[in-house]
Amino acid sequence: MKNILILVNWDVHKTLDDNLHVLQSPNILERNKKYWFFKYWPEKETKVDVIDYSKLPVIHPIEKNLLRFYVVQTLKASLKLRKYDLIISHGVQSAIFLAFIRSLFGIKNTPHLIIDVGCLNGGRSRQPELSMFQFSMKSVAGLVYHVSSQKKHYDRYFPFLSKKAFFVPFGVDTEFFKPLNVKQEDYILSIGYKFRNWLTLINAYSQIKTKTALKIVGPEDLNIELPKNVYLQPYVPINTLKELIAKSKFVVLPLVSLPYAHGQMTLLQSMAMGKAVIVTKVPSTVDYINDLEDALFVRLNDVDDMRNKIEFLLHNPDEIFRLGENARKTIENKFTEKHMAEGIYKAIRDLGA
């Protein structure tokens, strides 16, 4: 694997070092350095090129919101695929059009690996969507996925890929996300831009007699009547978010149930920063925490359970500290970028790519 091309569905900024403190590692391509998790791979001579999504003003919104796959990115990649020993697509939006073209023309040389964060077609079985995905996946060399329950979908609907699908836990940058030496403030923090059950959280919080505020980062408006001391904060830069996490008493993540990865990144980032987290027990989270040891599970859509868990932490600061300490240790021991890099590397080796 001397030459690798990775297609990603986010912005990647080329930089020397000016932006290192304000951007996460997936968003930075440093000159003369390996991109993201590839820096942990044992093969020092490996060269990695990155193509992010198109930023064209009119085309990008159409690709992202209407088509839900990236045409321009695929066309850019197609012009130089022969240069590479391996193609990696992160997410189906960056994979499906390329996979379809390669299947259509029977192209399988230069293996194509997908890091499948969305369970291919969202874990759906409806037609004709499923048939299109089944056809497209014929040219794919293998899958890496971050939620173990996705395997059931592959086994049932993509059996030709099932033995080429590898569960590799997601990992975070523990230098970027680490405990900060800041003064704690009197608020609980919740974070998310989609796939959150805000109604359960707000109903639970409204039943608690407390002066501790609830800050929700992400949505501009919830169309829910907000109790006193509940504050909404739309999008914030990542460094501002880190400060908000660090200054909070603890973090609450009220997730919906989906058959693929969501909320996982925020969960692991908060744990890496040494915070106690209350999180909904759904397929996306069961692989990552030990209930009562490094975080607290709350039952799906259960207002009473959510209220009880929040009250428990508010009344037990020693538990907040213990869970936060254990959370950081769990990340360091299992869920770092280095762990993820080693898992992906092993999967590719097992595929013979």
Protein backbone atom coordinates (compact mmCIF):
# COMPACT_ATOMS: atom_id res chain seq x y z
CA MET A 1 0.00 0.00 0.00
CA LYS A 2 2.35 2.68 -1.20
CA ASN A 3 -0.26 5.08 -2.59
CA ILE A 4 -3.70 5.58 -1.02
CA LEU A 5 -6.55 7.87 -1.98
CA ILE A 6 -9.19 8.70 0.64
CA LEU A 7 -12.47 10.44 -0.19
CA VAL A 8 -14.13 12.19 2.75
CA ASN A 9 -17.44 14.00 3.17
CA TRP A 10 -16.18 17.05 5.06
CA ASP A 11 -13.85 20.02 4.58
CA VAL A 12 -10.11 19.35 4.64
CA HIS A 13 -7.79 22.33 5.04
CA LYS A 14 -4.21 22.31 3.83
CA THR A 15 -2.01 23.94 6.43
CA LEU A 16 1.46 24.23 7.89
CA ASP A 17 0.72 24.73 11.57
CA ASP A 18 -1.39 27.88 11.98
CA ASN A 19 -4.68 26.02 12.35
CA LEU A 20 -3.53 23.00 14.32
CA HIS A 21 -5.06 24.24 17.55
CA VAL A 22 -8.48 25.09 16.07
CA LEU A 23 -9.17 22.12 13.80
CA GLN A 24 -9.61 18.41 14.46
CA SER A 25 -7.18 16.03 12.79
CA PRO A 26 -9.65 14.82 10.10
CA ASN A 27 -9.96 18.44 8.94
CA ILE A 28 -6.23 19.09 8.56
CA LEU A 29 -3.83 18.03 5.82
CA GLU A 30 -0.35 19.10 6.90
CA ARG A 31 2.33 19.45 4.28
CA ASN A 32 4.80 16.54 4.29
CA LYS A 33 2.84 14.70 6.98
CA LYS A 34 0.43 11.79 6.78
CA TYR A 35 -3.25 12.54 6.97
CA TRP A 36 -5.38 11.72 10.05
CA PHE A 37 -5.11 8.15 11.39
CA PHE A 38 -2.64 7.12 8.67
CA LYS A 39 0.18 8.63 10.74
CA TYR A 40 -0.10 5.62 13.05
CA TRP A 41 0.37 3.03 10.30
CA PRO A 42 3.61 1.05 10.42
CA GLU A 43 4.42 1.57 6.73
CA LYS A 44 6.32 4.84 6.77
CA GLU A 45 6.62 5.07 2.99
CA THR A 46 2.84 5.13 2.44
CA LYS A 47 1.63 8.26 0.64
CA VAL A 48 -1.94 9.42 1.25
CA ASP A 49 -3.87 11.85 -0.94
CA VAL A 50 -7.22 13.33 0.14
CA ILE A 51 -10.17 14.57 -1.88
CA ASP A 52 -12.89 16.23 0.18
CA TYR A 53 -16.34 17.13 -1.11
CA SER A 54 -16.85 19.85 -3.72
CA LYS A 55 -17.35 23.34 -2.32
CA LEU A 56 -18.95 24.68 -5.52
CA PRO A 57 -21.70 27.09 -4.39
CA VAL A 58 -24.63 25.67 -6.39
CA ILE A 59 -23.53 22.08 -6.94
CA HIS A 60 -22.57 21.18 -3.37
CA PRO A 61 -26.02 21.83 -1.81
CA ILE A 62 -27.62 19.73 -4.56
CA GLU A 63 -25.17 16.87 -3.99
CA LYS A 64 -25.50 16.98 -0.21
CA ASN A 65 -29.22 17.56 0.24
CA LEU A 66 -30.89 16.26 -2.92
CA LEU A 67 -28.67 13.57 -4.46
CA ARG A 68 -27.05 12.62 -1.11
CA PHE A 69 -23.87 11.55 -2.88
CA TYR A 70 -20.92 13.45 -4.30
CA VAL A 71 -20.59 13.47 -8.08
CA VAL A 72 -17.82 16.06 -8.46
CA GLN A 73 -15.66 14.32 -5.87
CA THR A 74 -16.04 11.01 -7.72
CA LEU A 75 -15.20 12.61 -11.07
CA LYS A 76 -12.06 14.14 -9.58
CA ALA A 77 -11.05 10.76 -8.18
CA SER A 78 -11.82 8.88 -11.39
CA LEU A 79 -9.23 10.88 -13.31
CA LYS A 80 -6.36 9.43 -11.31
CA LEU A 81 -7.46 6.11 -9.79
CA ARG A 82 -4.71 4.19 -11.59
CA LYS A 83 -2.12 6.00 -9.49
CA TYR A 84 -3.29 4.32 -6.30
CA ASP A 85 -2.98 0.93 -4.65
CA LEU A 86 -6.07 1.47 -2.48
CA ILE A 87 -9.12 3.74 -2.49
CA ILE A 88 -10.92 4.45 0.79
CA SER A 89 -14.29 6.21 0.94
CA HIS A 90 -15.38 7.54 4.30
CA GLY A 91 -19.17 7.32 4.28
CA VAL A 92 -21.52 6.20 1.54
CA GLN A 93 -22.00 9.75 0.25
CA SER A 94 -18.37 9.59 -0.89
CA ALA A 95 -18.58 5.95 -1.96
CA ILE A 96 -21.81 5.04 -3.72
CA PHE A 97 -21.37 6.82 -7.07
CA LEU A 98 -17.83 5.52 -7.47
CA ALA A 99 -18.90 2.01 -6.45
CA PHE A 100 -21.82 2.11 -8.91
CA ILE A 101 -19.60 3.15 -11.83
CA ARG A 102 -17.02 0.48 -11.02
CA SER A 103 -19.72 -2.20 -10.74
CA LEU A 104 -21.34 -1.04 -13.97
CA PHE A 105 -18.08 -1.47 -15.88
CA GLY A 106 -16.83 -4.48 -13.92
CA ILE A 107 -13.83 -2.63 -12.47
CA LYS A 108 -12.28 -4.27 -9.43
CA ASN A 109 -8.59 -3.54 -9.76
CA THR A 110 -7.44 -0.97 -7.20
CA PRO A 111 -9.41 -2.21 -4.18
CA HIS A 112 -12.14 0.10 -2.87
CA LEU A 113 -12.75 0.06 0.90
CA ILE A 114 -15.68 1.85 2.53
CA ILE A 115 -15.61 3.10 6.11
CA ASP A 116 -19.34 2.69 6.55
CA VAL A 117 -20.68 5.05 9.18
CA GLY A 118 -24.27 4.95 7.92
CA CYS A 119 -24.99 1.23 7.44
CA LEU A 120 -24.81 1.69 3.65
CA ASN A 121 -28.40 2.69 2.82
CA GLY A 122 -29.25 3.67 6.38
CA GLY A 123 -30.02 0.07 7.24
CA ARG A 124 -33.17 0.19 5.09
CA SER A 125 -34.58 -2.69 3.05
CA ARG A 126 -36.97 -0.84 0.77
CA GLN A 127 -36.86 -1.30 -2.99
CA PRO A 128 -35.58 -0.24 -5.49
CA GLU A 129 -33.04 1.50 -3.25
CA LEU A 130 -31.74 -1.75 -1.79
CA SER A 131 -31.20 -3.36 -5.21
CA MET A 132 -29.20 -0.35 -6.37
CA PHE A 133 -26.96 -0.59 -3.32
CA GLN A 134 -26.56 -4.36 -3.72
CA PHE A 135 -25.46 -3.86 -7.32
CA SER A 136 -23.05 -1.05 -6.44
CA MET A 137 -21.41 -2.98 -3.63
CA LYS A 138 -20.33 -5.79 -6.00
CA SER A 139 -17.17 -3.86 -6.86
CA VAL A 140 -16.25 -3.07 -3.23
CA ALA A 141 -13.32 -4.90 -1.65
CA GLY A 142 -14.55 -4.57 1.92
CA LEU A 143 -16.18 -2.54 4.69
CA VAL A 144 -15.08 -1.14 8.02
CA TYR A 145 -17.87 -0.18 10.43
CA HIS A 146 -18.02 1.38 13.90
CA VAL A 147 -21.28 -0.12 15.27
CA SER A 148 -21.27 -3.89 15.76
CA SER A 149 -25.01 -4.31 15.13
CA GLN A 150 -24.56 -3.22 11.50
CA LYS A 151 -23.26 -6.73 10.80
CA LYS A 152 -26.84 -8.05 10.88
CA HIS A 153 -27.73 -5.82 7.92
CA TYR A 154 -24.73 -7.00 5.92
CA ASP A 155 -25.47 -10.65 6.72
CA ARG A 156 -29.05 -10.35 5.55
CA TYR A 157 -28.85 -8.06 2.54
CA PHE A 158 -25.19 -8.06 1.47
CA PRO A 159 -24.02 -11.63 2.16
CA PHE A 160 -21.29 -11.34 -0.49
CA LEU A 161 -19.76 -8.58 1.66
CA SER A 162 -20.40 -10.08 5.07
CA LYS A 163 -17.06 -11.89 5.36
CA LYS A 164 -15.31 -8.77 4.12
CA ALA A 165 -16.84 -6.48 6.77
CA PHE A 166 -14.79 -5.62 9.86
CA PHE A 167 -15.93 -4.00 13.09
CA VAL A 168 -13.37 -1.38 14.14
CA PRO A 169 -14.36 0.92 17.03
CA PHE A 170 -14.22 4.63 16.38
CA GLY A 171 -11.31 6.48 17.99
CA VAL A 172 -10.68 10.08 19.03
CA ASP A 173 -7.61 12.29 19.21
CA THR A 174 -6.80 12.25 22.92
CA GLU A 175 -4.39 15.17 22.62
CA PHE A 176 -6.99 17.42 21.02
CA PHE A 177 -9.73 16.20 23.36
CA LYS A 178 -8.32 16.12 26.87
CA PRO A 179 -9.29 17.50 30.28
CA LEU A 180 -8.84 21.27 30.47
CA ASN A 181 -7.75 23.22 33.52
CA VAL A 182 -10.81 25.48 33.71
CA LYS A 183 -13.23 26.38 36.46
CA GLN A 184 -16.43 24.35 36.43
CA GLU A 185 -19.67 26.28 36.03
CA ASP A 186 -23.18 25.44 37.17
CA TYR A 187 -24.68 23.89 34.06
CA ILE A 188 -25.36 20.55 32.39
CA LEU A 189 -24.42 20.34 28.71
CA SER A 190 -26.14 18.57 25.84
CA ILE A 191 -24.81 18.59 22.28
CA GLY A 192 -26.16 17.64 18.87
CA TYR A 193 -27.22 18.91 15.49
CA LYS A 194 -29.52 16.00 14.57
CA PHE A 195 -30.77 12.62 15.78
CA ARG A 196 -31.45 13.85 19.32
CA ASN A 197 -34.53 13.29 21.47
CA TRP A 198 -34.70 16.79 22.92
CA LEU A 199 -38.27 16.34 24.14
CA THR A 200 -37.31 13.53 26.53
CA LEU A 201 -34.40 15.56 27.91
CA ILE A 202 -36.40 18.75 28.38
CA ASN A 203 -39.36 16.96 29.95
CA ALA A 204 -37.00 15.22 32.37
CA TYR A 205 -35.15 18.41 33.25
CA SER A 206 -38.41 20.32 33.79
CA GLN A 207 -39.31 17.89 36.61
CA ILE A 208 -36.09 18.54 38.54
CA LYS A 209 -35.86 21.22 41.20
CA THR A 210 -32.42 22.67 40.58
CA LYS A 211 -30.64 25.95 39.95
CA THR A 212 -28.21 24.16 37.62
CA ALA A 213 -28.88 25.32 34.06
CA LEU A 214 -29.20 23.13 30.97
CA LYS A 215 -27.28 24.32 27.92
CA ILE A 216 -28.12 22.72 24.58
CA VAL A 217 -25.59 23.26 21.79
CA GLY A 218 -26.69 22.65 18.21
CA PRO A 219 -30.28 23.53 17.39
CA GLU A 220 -31.40 27.10 16.70
CA ASP A 221 -34.98 26.33 17.66
CA LEU A 222 -36.72 23.24 19.04
CA ASN A 223 -40.39 24.21 18.72
CA ILE A 224 -40.68 23.14 22.34
CA GLU A 225 -41.65 25.38 25.22
CA LEU A 226 -38.43 25.68 27.19
CA PRO A 227 -38.45 25.65 30.99
CA LYS A 228 -36.58 28.26 32.98
CA ASN A 229 -32.77 27.85 32.87
CA VAL A 230 -32.74 26.00 29.54
CA TYR A 231 -30.60 27.79 26.96
CA LEU A 232 -30.05 27.06 23.27
CA GLN A 233 -26.73 27.75 21.58
CA PRO A 234 -26.53 27.23 17.78
CA TYR A 235 -23.36 26.03 16.07
CA VAL A 236 -20.10 26.87 17.82
CA PRO A 237 -16.49 26.32 16.65
CA ILE A 238 -14.84 23.19 18.02
CA ASN A 239 -12.60 25.05 20.47
CA THR A 240 -15.62 26.84 21.95
CA LEU A 241 -17.37 23.49 22.23
CA LYS A 242 -14.38 22.04 24.07
CA GLU A 243 -14.56 24.88 26.59
CA LEU A 244 -18.28 24.33 27.08
CA ILE A 245 -17.68 20.62 27.69
CA ALA A 246 -14.83 21.28 30.09
CA LYS A 247 -16.76 23.84 32.16
CA SER A 248 -19.94 21.74 32.42
CA LYS A 249 -20.83 19.60 35.44
CA PHE A 250 -21.55 16.68 33.12
CA VAL A 251 -22.88 15.89 29.64
CA VAL A 252 -26.24 14.40 28.64
CA LEU A 253 -26.78 12.89 25.17
CA PRO A 254 -30.44 11.99 24.50
CA LEU A 255 -30.19 9.91 21.33
CA VAL A 256 -32.79 8.37 19.04
CA SER A 257 -32.40 4.75 17.99
CA LEU A 258 -30.87 4.21 14.56
CA PRO A 259 -29.07 1.14 13.18
CA TYR A 260 -25.81 2.99 12.56
CA ALA A 261 -23.26 5.35 14.11
CA HIS A 262 -24.58 8.63 15.48
CA GLY A 263 -23.81 10.56 18.64
CA GLN A 264 -20.77 8.37 19.06
CA MET A 265 -18.20 11.04 18.28
CA THR A 266 -19.65 13.49 20.81
CA LEU A 267 -19.86 10.72 23.40
CA LEU A 268 -16.21 9.73 23.01
CA GLN A 269 -14.96 13.31 22.80
CA SER A 270 -16.74 14.18 26.06
CA MET A 271 -15.38 11.06 27.75
CA ALA A 272 -11.87 11.87 26.48
CA MET A 273 -12.19 15.25 28.19
CA GLY A 274 -12.84 13.47 31.47
CA LYS A 275 -16.54 14.21 31.69
CA ALA A 276 -19.27 12.06 33.16
CA VAL A 277 -21.85 11.33 30.45
CA ILE A 278 -25.48 10.21 30.58
CA VAL A 279 -26.29 8.68 27.19
CA THR A 280 -29.19 6.77 25.68
CA LYS A 281 -28.66 3.04 25.29
CA VAL A 282 -28.94 2.51 21.54
CA PRO A 283 -26.99 0.44 18.97
CA SER A 284 -24.57 3.33 18.42
CA THR A 285 -23.43 3.44 22.06
CA VAL A 286 -23.50 -0.12 23.45
CA ASP A 287 -20.04 -0.94 22.06
CA TYR A 288 -18.40 1.98 23.83
CA ILE A 289 -19.33 2.26 27.49
CA ASN A 290 -19.60 0.15 30.62
CA ASP A 291 -22.76 1.26 32.40
CA LEU A 292 -22.15 2.63 35.90
CA GLU A 293 -18.38 2.40 35.38
CA ASP A 294 -17.41 5.05 32.83
CA ALA A 295 -20.81 6.51 31.89
CA LEU A 296 -24.51 6.06 32.65
CA PHE A 297 -26.97 4.50 30.25
CA VAL A 298 -30.52 5.83 30.11
CA ARG A 299 -33.40 3.91 28.56
CA LEU A 300 -34.70 5.05 25.18
CA ASN A 301 -37.49 7.67 25.37
CA ASP A 302 -37.77 7.18 29.15
CA VAL A 303 -38.38 10.54 30.83
CA ASP A 304 -38.39 9.06 34.34
CA ASP A 305 -35.09 7.26 33.85
CA MET A 306 -33.53 10.40 32.37
CA ARG A 307 -34.77 12.49 35.28
CA ASN A 308 -33.48 9.99 37.83
CA LYS A 309 -30.01 9.80 36.26
CA ILE A 310 -29.65 13.58 36.08
CA GLU A 311 -30.81 13.98 39.68
CA PHE A 312 -28.42 11.24 40.78
CA LEU A 313 -25.41 13.06 39.37
CA LEU A 314 -26.55 16.46 40.63
CA HIS A 315 -26.71 15.03 44.15
CA ASN A 316 -23.50 12.99 43.91
CA PRO A 317 -20.48 15.07 42.85
CA ASP A 318 -18.13 12.23 43.82
CA GLU A 319 -19.83 10.06 41.18
CA ILE A 320 -19.37 12.78 38.58
CA PHE A 321 -15.65 12.78 39.34
CA ARG A 322 -15.36 8.98 39.37
CA LEU A 323 -17.21 8.50 36.10
CA GLY A 324 -15.15 11.23 34.44
CA GLU A 325 -11.86 9.72 35.57
CA ASN A 326 -12.92 6.28 34.35
CA ALA A 327 -14.20 7.73 31.07
CA ARG A 328 -10.81 9.19 30.21
CA LYS A 329 -9.11 5.88 31.04
CA THR A 330 -11.56 3.96 28.84
CA ILE A 331 -10.79 6.21 25.88
CA GLU A 332 -7.03 5.95 26.43
CA ASN A 333 -7.21 2.16 26.71
CA LYS A 334 -9.63 1.38 23.85
CA PHE A 335 -10.86 4.25 21.71
CA THR A 336 -8.02 6.45 20.51
CA GLU A 337 -7.22 7.36 16.92
CA LYS A 338 -4.26 5.00 17.20
CA HIS A 339 -6.54 2.08 18.17
CA MET A 340 -8.80 2.89 15.21
CA ALA A 341 -5.84 3.18 12.84
CA GLU A 342 -4.50 -0.21 13.90
CA GLY A 343 -7.92 -1.78 13.43
CA ILE A 344 -8.36 -0.37 9.94
CA TYR A 345 -4.84 -1.39 8.98
CA LYS A 346 -5.46 -4.95 10.15
CA ALA A 347 -8.77 -5.12 8.27
CA ILE A 348 -7.08 -4.04 5.05
CA ARG A 349 -4.33 -6.61 5.56
CA ASP A 350 -6.92 -9.33 6.21
CA LEU A 351 -8.61 -8.38 2.96
CA GLY A 352 -5.31 -8.82 1.14
CA ALA A 353 -5.59 -5.28 -0.20
